[in-house]
């Protein structure tokens, strides 16, 4: 399934999260035929059209809010430690197996427009990443606090501690 479909199903999952779940695996043939096509998020479309626009962003609070929108949509920026995946996942293996049952899958994706949709999404994601980086640079030059500037070691330590507490609370809730 394409990343925009992930947005439609789960707003908590960043558009850059390519880890397929059971629904992604089941809809692989429909996605390959381009019968299931979600729209590119409006925030990314605006980033493509006006990547360096600062209208309405004269204050640090506005920059923070805008960067937060990108963080929610794209996931963590590169200034935070990244989770490294080890080995293939069950979702990726299953999606590959399902995709292998489709003869001439690459040609079908090209003819159906599924590959073109994926290229458009990737271009929009790239514009969103560039815009977020630009906004952080503007925020840093204005003396704004994180997230409207790159994370410092102190910010990283605080964020990791908050996430650890949230994970413990979630784990305790499941017991």
Protein backbone atom coordinates (compact mmCIF):
# COMPACT_ATOMS: atom_id res chain seq x y z
CA UNK A 1 0.00 0.00 0.00
CA UNK A 2 1.17 3.50 -0.61
CA UNK A 3 2.15 5.82 2.20
CA UNK A 4 -0.86 8.11 1.66
CA UNK A 5 -3.14 5.18 2.43
CA UNK A 6 -1.37 4.91 5.75
CA UNK A 7 -2.35 8.51 6.44
CA UNK A 8 -5.99 7.87 5.68
CA UNK A 9 -6.05 4.85 8.00
CA UNK A 10 -3.80 5.99 10.79
CA UNK A 11 -3.01 9.64 11.46
CA UNK A 12 -0.41 8.59 14.05
CA UNK A 13 1.72 6.84 11.43
CA UNK A 14 4.06 9.22 9.57
CA UNK A 15 3.78 9.33 5.79
CA UNK A 16 7.45 8.34 5.66
CA UNK A 17 6.77 5.08 7.58
CA UNK A 18 7.00 2.42 4.91
CA UNK A 19 6.46 -0.55 7.22
CA UNK A 20 3.49 -2.49 5.76
CA UNK A 21 0.79 -3.86 8.03
CA UNK A 22 -1.86 -6.51 7.32
CA UNK A 23 -4.10 -4.07 5.42
CA UNK A 24 -1.16 -2.93 3.28
CA UNK A 25 -0.37 -6.54 2.40
CA UNK A 26 -4.00 -7.36 1.56
CA UNK A 27 -4.42 -4.31 -0.67
CA UNK A 28 -1.14 -4.71 -2.59
CA UNK A 29 -2.87 -5.91 -5.80
CA UNK A 30 -5.41 -3.07 -5.67
CA UNK A 31 -2.64 -0.54 -5.07
CA UNK A 32 -0.54 -1.99 -7.90
CA UNK A 33 -3.47 -1.53 -10.27
CA UNK A 34 -3.80 2.07 -9.02
CA UNK A 35 -7.42 1.41 -8.05
CA UNK A 36 -6.66 2.48 -4.50
CA UNK A 37 -5.08 5.90 -4.59
CA UNK A 38 -5.19 8.41 -1.78
CA UNK A 39 -4.46 12.08 -2.09
CA UNK A 40 -1.14 13.64 -1.17
CA UNK A 41 -1.58 15.53 2.13
CA UNK A 42 -2.36 19.25 1.61
CA UNK A 43 0.58 20.28 3.82
CA UNK A 44 2.98 18.59 1.40
CA UNK A 45 1.27 20.11 -1.62
CA UNK A 46 1.71 23.57 -0.08
CA UNK A 47 5.36 22.76 0.63
CA UNK A 48 5.84 21.97 -3.05
CA UNK A 49 4.16 25.16 -4.21
CA UNK A 50 5.70 27.58 -1.71
CA UNK A 51 8.70 25.98 0.00
CA UNK A 52 10.15 29.26 1.30
CA UNK A 53 6.99 31.20 2.11
CA UNK A 54 7.03 32.86 5.53
CA UNK A 55 3.54 34.38 5.41
CA UNK A 56 1.97 34.18 8.87
CA UNK A 57 5.20 32.89 10.41
CA UNK A 58 6.62 36.06 11.92
CA UNK A 59 6.61 34.71 15.50
CA UNK A 60 8.39 31.73 17.02
CA UNK A 61 5.09 30.22 18.19
CA UNK A 62 3.85 30.11 14.59
CA UNK A 63 7.10 28.50 13.42
CA UNK A 64 6.86 25.90 16.19
CA UNK A 65 3.27 25.08 15.21
CA UNK A 66 4.24 24.74 11.54
CA UNK A 67 7.25 22.52 12.25
CA UNK A 68 5.05 20.38 14.53
CA UNK A 69 2.65 19.82 11.61
CA UNK A 70 5.53 18.53 9.50
CA UNK A 71 6.82 16.38 12.37
CA UNK A 72 3.38 14.81 12.82
CA UNK A 73 3.13 14.08 9.10
CA UNK A 74 6.73 13.13 8.30
CA UNK A 75 7.96 11.69 11.58
CA UNK A 76 11.10 12.74 13.42
CA UNK A 77 13.53 15.06 11.69
CA UNK A 78 17.12 14.01 11.13
CA UNK A 79 18.27 16.01 14.17
CA UNK A 80 16.78 13.34 16.46
CA UNK A 81 18.23 9.82 16.82
CA UNK A 82 16.72 7.51 14.22
CA UNK A 83 15.41 4.01 14.90
CA UNK A 84 17.39 1.51 12.88
CA UNK A 85 15.49 -1.52 11.63
CA UNK A 86 17.30 -4.83 11.70
CA UNK A 87 16.48 -7.42 9.07
CA UNK A 88 13.32 -7.94 7.07
CA UNK A 89 9.96 -7.51 8.75
CA UNK A 90 7.00 -9.85 8.52
CA UNK A 91 4.99 -7.12 6.77
CA UNK A 92 7.62 -6.56 4.09
CA UNK A 93 8.04 -10.28 3.46
CA UNK A 94 4.27 -10.81 3.21
CA UNK A 95 3.86 -7.84 0.88
CA UNK A 96 6.65 -9.15 -1.34
CA UNK A 97 5.05 -12.60 -1.47
CA UNK A 98 1.64 -11.15 -2.40
CA UNK A 99 3.26 -8.91 -5.00
CA UNK A 100 5.09 -11.89 -6.52
CA UNK A 101 1.75 -13.45 -7.49
CA UNK A 102 1.09 -10.54 -9.85
CA UNK A 103 2.67 -11.32 -13.23
CA UNK A 104 4.61 -8.44 -14.78
CA UNK A 105 4.02 -6.38 -11.64
CA UNK A 106 6.49 -3.64 -12.60
CA UNK A 107 4.90 -3.12 -16.00
CA UNK A 108 1.40 -3.18 -14.52
CA UNK A 109 2.38 -0.54 -11.92
CA UNK A 110 3.84 1.66 -14.66
CA UNK A 111 0.88 1.31 -17.05
CA UNK A 112 -1.72 1.72 -14.28
CA UNK A 113 -0.10 4.90 -12.99
CA UNK A 114 0.73 3.44 -9.57
CA UNK A 115 4.44 4.15 -10.05
CA UNK A 116 3.70 7.73 -11.12
CA UNK A 117 1.57 8.23 -8.01
CA UNK A 118 4.44 6.90 -5.89
CA UNK A 119 6.88 9.30 -7.60
CA UNK A 120 4.53 12.22 -6.93
CA UNK A 121 4.28 11.23 -3.28
CA UNK A 122 8.07 10.97 -2.95
CA UNK A 123 8.49 14.42 -4.53
CA UNK A 124 5.93 15.85 -2.08
CA UNK A 125 7.70 14.19 0.87
CA UNK A 126 11.01 15.65 -0.30
CA UNK A 127 9.43 19.11 -0.48
CA UNK A 128 8.05 18.65 3.04
CA UNK A 129 11.46 17.63 4.38
CA UNK A 130 13.09 20.63 2.71
CA UNK A 131 10.43 23.02 4.02
CA UNK A 132 10.78 21.72 7.57
CA UNK A 133 14.55 22.17 7.36
CA UNK A 134 14.11 25.70 6.03
CA UNK A 135 11.68 26.59 8.82
CA UNK A 136 14.10 25.25 11.44
CA UNK A 137 16.87 27.38 9.95
CA UNK A 138 14.64 30.46 10.12
CA UNK A 139 13.71 29.60 13.70
CA UNK A 140 17.34 29.17 14.68
CA UNK A 141 18.27 32.54 13.16
CA UNK A 142 15.45 34.14 15.17
CA UNK A 143 16.46 32.46 18.42
CA UNK A 144 13.34 30.28 18.65
CA UNK A 145 13.22 27.21 20.88
CA UNK A 146 12.98 23.63 19.68
CA UNK A 147 11.27 22.39 17.50
CA UNK A 148 11.55 25.63 15.50
CA UNK A 149 15.32 25.07 15.44
CA UNK A 150 17.52 21.96 15.36
CA UNK A 151 17.54 19.84 18.51
CA UNK A 152 20.39 20.27 20.97
CA UNK A 153 21.76 17.43 23.10
CA UNK A 154 19.60 18.72 25.94
CA UNK A 155 16.49 18.62 23.72
CA UNK A 156 17.34 15.09 22.61
CA UNK A 157 17.80 13.90 26.20
CA UNK A 158 14.46 15.47 27.21
CA UNK A 159 12.60 13.96 24.24
CA UNK A 160 14.05 10.50 24.83
CA UNK A 161 13.10 10.67 28.52
CA UNK A 162 9.54 11.74 27.62
CA UNK A 163 9.23 8.90 25.12
CA UNK A 164 10.56 6.37 27.62
CA UNK A 165 7.98 7.52 30.20
CA UNK A 166 5.20 7.34 27.60
CA UNK A 167 6.27 3.83 26.56
CA UNK A 168 6.31 2.69 30.20
CA UNK A 169 2.86 4.18 30.77
CA UNK A 170 1.54 2.45 27.65
CA UNK A 171 3.07 -0.85 28.74
CA UNK A 172 1.57 -0.48 32.23
CA UNK A 173 -1.83 0.29 30.70
CA UNK A 174 -1.75 -3.00 28.75
CA UNK A 175 -1.19 -5.07 31.90
